[in-house]
C-alpha atoms as a PDB file:
ATOM      1  CA  MET A   1      11.707-116.000 101.852  1.00  0.00           C
ATOM      2  CA  GLU A   2      12.602-112.322 102.197  1.00  0.00           C
ATOM      3  CA  ILE A   3      14.464-112.272  99.074  1.00  0.00           C
ATOM      4  CA  GLU A   4      11.836-113.570  96.971  1.00  0.00           C
ATOM      5  CA  LYS A   5       9.332-111.249  98.347  1.00  0.00           C
ATOM      6  CA  ASN A   6      11.362-108.290  98.041  1.00  0.00           C
ATOM      7  CA  TYR A   7      11.955-109.531  94.316  1.00  0.00           C
ATOM      8  CA  ARG A   8       8.208-109.902  93.472  1.00  0.00           C
ATOM      9  CA  VAL A   9       7.508-106.379  95.279  1.00  0.00           C
ATOM     10  CA  ASN A  10      10.406-104.949  92.941  1.00  0.00           C
ATOM     11  CA  SER A  11       8.806-106.622  89.901  1.00  0.00           C
ATOM     12  CA  LEU A  12       5.144-105.670  90.689  1.00  0.00           C
ATOM     13  CA  PHE A  13       6.584-101.736  91.528  1.00  0.00           C
ATOM     14  CA  ALA A  14       8.089-101.710  87.984  1.00  0.00           C
ATOM     15  CA  PHE A  15       4.659-102.751  86.186  1.00  0.00           C
ATOM     16  CA  TYR A  16       2.449-100.376  88.278  1.00  0.00           C
ATOM     17  CA  GLN A  17       4.596 -97.493  89.369  1.00  0.00           C
ATOM     18  CA  PRO A  18       2.969 -95.365  87.271  1.00  0.00           C
ATOM     19  CA  LEU A  19      -0.382 -95.781  89.115  1.00  0.00           C
ATOM     20  CA  LEU A  20       1.127 -95.042  92.284  1.00  0.00           C
ATOM     21  CA  THR A  21       0.674 -91.392  94.141  1.00  0.00           C
ATOM     22  CA  LYS A  22       4.148 -89.681  94.128  1.00  0.00           C
ATOM     23  CA  LYS A  23       4.438 -90.504  98.060  1.00  0.00           C
ATOM     24  CA  GLN A  24       3.937 -94.015  97.612  1.00  0.00           C
ATOM     25  CA  ASN A  25       6.557 -94.001  94.707  1.00  0.00           C
ATOM     26  CA  ASP A  26       8.768 -91.861  96.734  1.00  0.00           C
ATOM     27  CA  TYR A  27       8.590 -94.317  99.726  1.00  0.00           C
ATOM     28  CA  MET A  28       8.931 -97.416  97.719  1.00  0.00           C
ATOM     29  CA  GLN A  29      11.671 -96.496  95.821  1.00  0.00           C
ATOM     30  CA  LEU A  30      13.908 -95.391  99.019  1.00  0.00           C
ATOM     31  CA  TYR A  31      12.652 -98.382 100.598  1.00  0.00           C
ATOM     32  CA  TYR A  32      12.900-101.366  98.111  1.00  0.00           C
ATOM     33  CA  GLY A  33      15.216 -99.688  95.294  1.00  0.00           C
ATOM     34  CA  ASP A  34      17.604 -97.539  97.529  1.00  0.00           C
ATOM     35  CA  ASP A  35      17.578 -99.851 100.657  1.00  0.00           C
ATOM     36  CA  TYR A  36      16.808 -97.151 102.935  1.00  0.00           C
ATOM     37  CA  SER A  37      15.555 -98.265 106.460  1.00  0.00           C
ATOM     38  CA  LEU A  38      12.239 -97.076 107.830  1.00  0.00           C
ATOM     39  CA  GLY A  39      13.850 -94.769 110.180  1.00  0.00           C
ATOM     40  CA  GLU A  40      15.847 -93.200 107.116  1.00  0.00           C
ATOM     41  CA  ILE A  41      12.799 -92.472 105.057  1.00  0.00           C
ATOM     42  CA  ALA A  42      11.010 -90.836 108.236  1.00  0.00           C
ATOM     43  CA  GLU A  43      13.477 -88.732 109.087  1.00  0.00           C
ATOM     44  CA  ASN A  44      13.631 -87.470 105.163  1.00  0.00           C
ATOM     45  CA  PHE A  45      10.029 -86.909 105.146  1.00  0.00           C
ATOM     46  CA  GLU A  46       9.657 -85.858 108.939  1.00  0.00           C
ATOM     47  CA  VAL A  47       6.939 -88.676 109.705  1.00  0.00           C
ATOM     48  CA  SER A  48       7.087 -91.538 112.190  1.00  0.00           C
ATOM     49  CA  ARG A  49       8.545 -94.797 111.179  1.00  0.00           C
ATOM     50  CA  GLN A  50       4.915 -96.482 111.875  1.00  0.00           C
ATOM     51  CA  ALA A  51       3.690 -93.714 109.183  1.00  0.00           C
ATOM     52  CA  VAL A  52       6.227 -95.156 106.822  1.00  0.00           C
ATOM     53  CA  TYR A  53       5.591 -98.539 107.490  1.00  0.00           C
ATOM     54  CA  ASP A  54       2.220 -98.284 107.338  1.00  0.00           C
ATOM     55  CA  ASN A  55       2.329 -96.765 103.850  1.00  0.00           C
ATOM     56  CA  ILE A  56       4.868 -99.070 102.602  1.00  0.00           C
ATOM     57  CA  ARG A  57       2.361-102.268 103.607  1.00  0.00           C
ATOM     58  CA  ARG A  58      -0.491-100.259 102.185  1.00  0.00           C
ATOM     59  CA  THR A  59       1.347 -99.544  98.785  1.00  0.00           C
ATOM     60  CA  GLU A  60       2.414-103.532  98.598  1.00  0.00           C
ATOM     61  CA  ASN A  61      -1.037-104.477  99.137  1.00  0.00           C
ATOM     62  CA  ILE A  62      -2.498-102.373  96.346  1.00  0.00           C
ATOM     63  CA  LEU A  63       0.238-103.463  94.012  1.00  0.00           C
ATOM     64  CA  GLU A  64      -0.738-107.270  94.958  1.00  0.00           C
ATOM     65  CA  THR A  65      -4.632-105.896  93.932  1.00  0.00           C
ATOM     66  CA  TYR A  66      -3.405-104.476  90.704  1.00  0.00           C
ATOM     67  CA  GLU A  67      -1.598-107.781  89.960  1.00  0.00           C
ATOM     68  CA  GLN A  68      -4.466-109.740  90.763  1.00  0.00           C
ATOM     69  CA  LYS A  69      -6.812-107.754  88.523  1.00  0.00           C
ATOM     70  CA  LEU A  70      -4.400-107.138  85.463  1.00  0.00           C
ATOM     71  CA  HIS A  71      -1.930-109.778  85.570  1.00  0.00           C
ATOM     72  CA  LEU A  72       0.715-108.071  84.077  1.00  0.00           C
ATOM     73  CA  LEU A  73       3.663-109.556  85.803  1.00  0.00           C
ATOM     74  CA  GLN A  74       2.075-113.066  85.484  1.00  0.00           C
ATOM     75  CA  GLU A  75       1.651-112.434  81.797  1.00  0.00           C
ATOM     76  CA  PHE A  76       5.085-111.062  81.396  1.00  0.00           C
ATOM     77  CA  THR A  77       6.716-114.138  82.870  1.00  0.00           C
ATOM     78  CA  ASP A  78       4.862-116.743  80.896  1.00  0.00           C
ATOM     79  CA  ARG A  79       5.900-115.081  77.932  1.00  0.00           C
ATOM     80  CA  ASN A  80       9.656-114.853  78.960  1.00  0.00           C
ATOM     81  CA  GLN A  81       9.378-118.471  79.803  1.00  0.00           C
ATOM     82  CA  LEU A  82       7.695-119.395  76.409  1.00  0.00           C
ATOM     83  CA  ALA A  83      10.318-117.490  74.645  1.00  0.00           C
ATOM     84  CA  ASP A  84      12.812-119.093  76.229  1.00  0.00           C
ATOM     85  CA  GLN A  85      11.535-122.608  75.319  1.00  0.00           C
ATOM     86  CA  ILE A  86      11.189-121.592  71.898  1.00  0.00           C
ATOM     87  CA  GLN A  87      14.649-120.449  71.896  1.00  0.00           C
ATOM     88  CA  GLN A  88      16.215-123.627  73.346  1.00  0.00           C
ATOM     89  CA  TYR A  89      13.719-125.732  70.711  1.00  0.00           C
ATOM     90  CA  VAL A  90      15.028-123.768  67.754  1.00  0.00           C
ATOM     91  CA  ALA A  91      18.902-123.749  68.907  1.00  0.00           C
ATOM     92  CA  ASP A  92      18.277-127.842  69.384  1.00  0.00           C
ATOM     93  CA  ASN A  93      16.527-128.588  66.507  1.00  0.00           C
ATOM     94  CA  TYR A  94      17.615-125.599  63.548  1.00  0.00           C
ATOM     95  CA  PRO A  95      20.904-124.436  65.069  1.00  0.00           C
ATOM     96  CA  LYS A  96      21.779-123.594  61.177  1.00  0.00           C
ATOM     97  CA  ASP A  97      19.153-122.050  60.407  1.00  0.00           C
ATOM     98  CA  GLN A  98      20.052-118.320  60.611  1.00  0.00           C
ATOM     99  CA  LYS A  99      16.672-116.376  59.563  1.00  0.00           C
ATOM    100  CA  LEU A 100      14.780-118.808  62.315  1.00  0.00           C
ATOM    101  CA  ASN A 101      17.236-117.801  64.845  1.00  0.00           C
ATOM    102  CA  GLN A 102      17.179-114.190  64.038  1.00  0.00           C
ATOM    103  CA  LEU A 103      13.428-114.037  64.244  1.00  0.00           C
ATOM    104  CA  VAL A 104      13.692-115.752  67.730  1.00  0.00           C
ATOM    105  CA  SER A 105      16.420-113.476  68.842  1.00  0.00           C
ATOM    106  CA  GLN A 106      14.068-110.371  67.668  1.00  0.00           C
ATOM    107  CA  LEU A 107      11.219-111.831  69.565  1.00  0.00           C
ATOM    108  CA  GLU A 108      13.047-111.779  72.823  1.00  0.00           C
ATOM    109  CA  SER A 109      14.181-108.207  72.270  1.00  0.00           C
ATOM    110  CA  VAL A 110      11.028-107.113  71.701  1.00  0.00           C
ATOM    111  CA  GLU A 111       9.648-108.693  74.733  1.00  0.00           C
ATOM    112  CA  GLU A 112      12.601-107.173  76.982  1.00  0.00           C
ATOM    113  CA  GLU A 113      11.639-103.840  75.908  1.00  0.00           C
END
């Protein structure tokens, strides 16, 4: 469960990071990206552990609110799943069609950017 939550928060952070304040970015990057403890972050910023905890939880809620309104992560996930299905269908049914396989590969490359 914790791994799934961390993955979701990291994914949301990747999409909505530019919308966060510098402090929110710093705390989230250190906590989720660099695996700092609350105590280490608190020490670096000379604030209490509770202040760091509150900021991180508030930022997680903000990220979830952005996703509820904008759906960027969900739409990205849906597009990737559909692209995987298309790629599999083409591989199964049209393995010799080089042009079609090339176009599917290009589509996936664009989606990953």
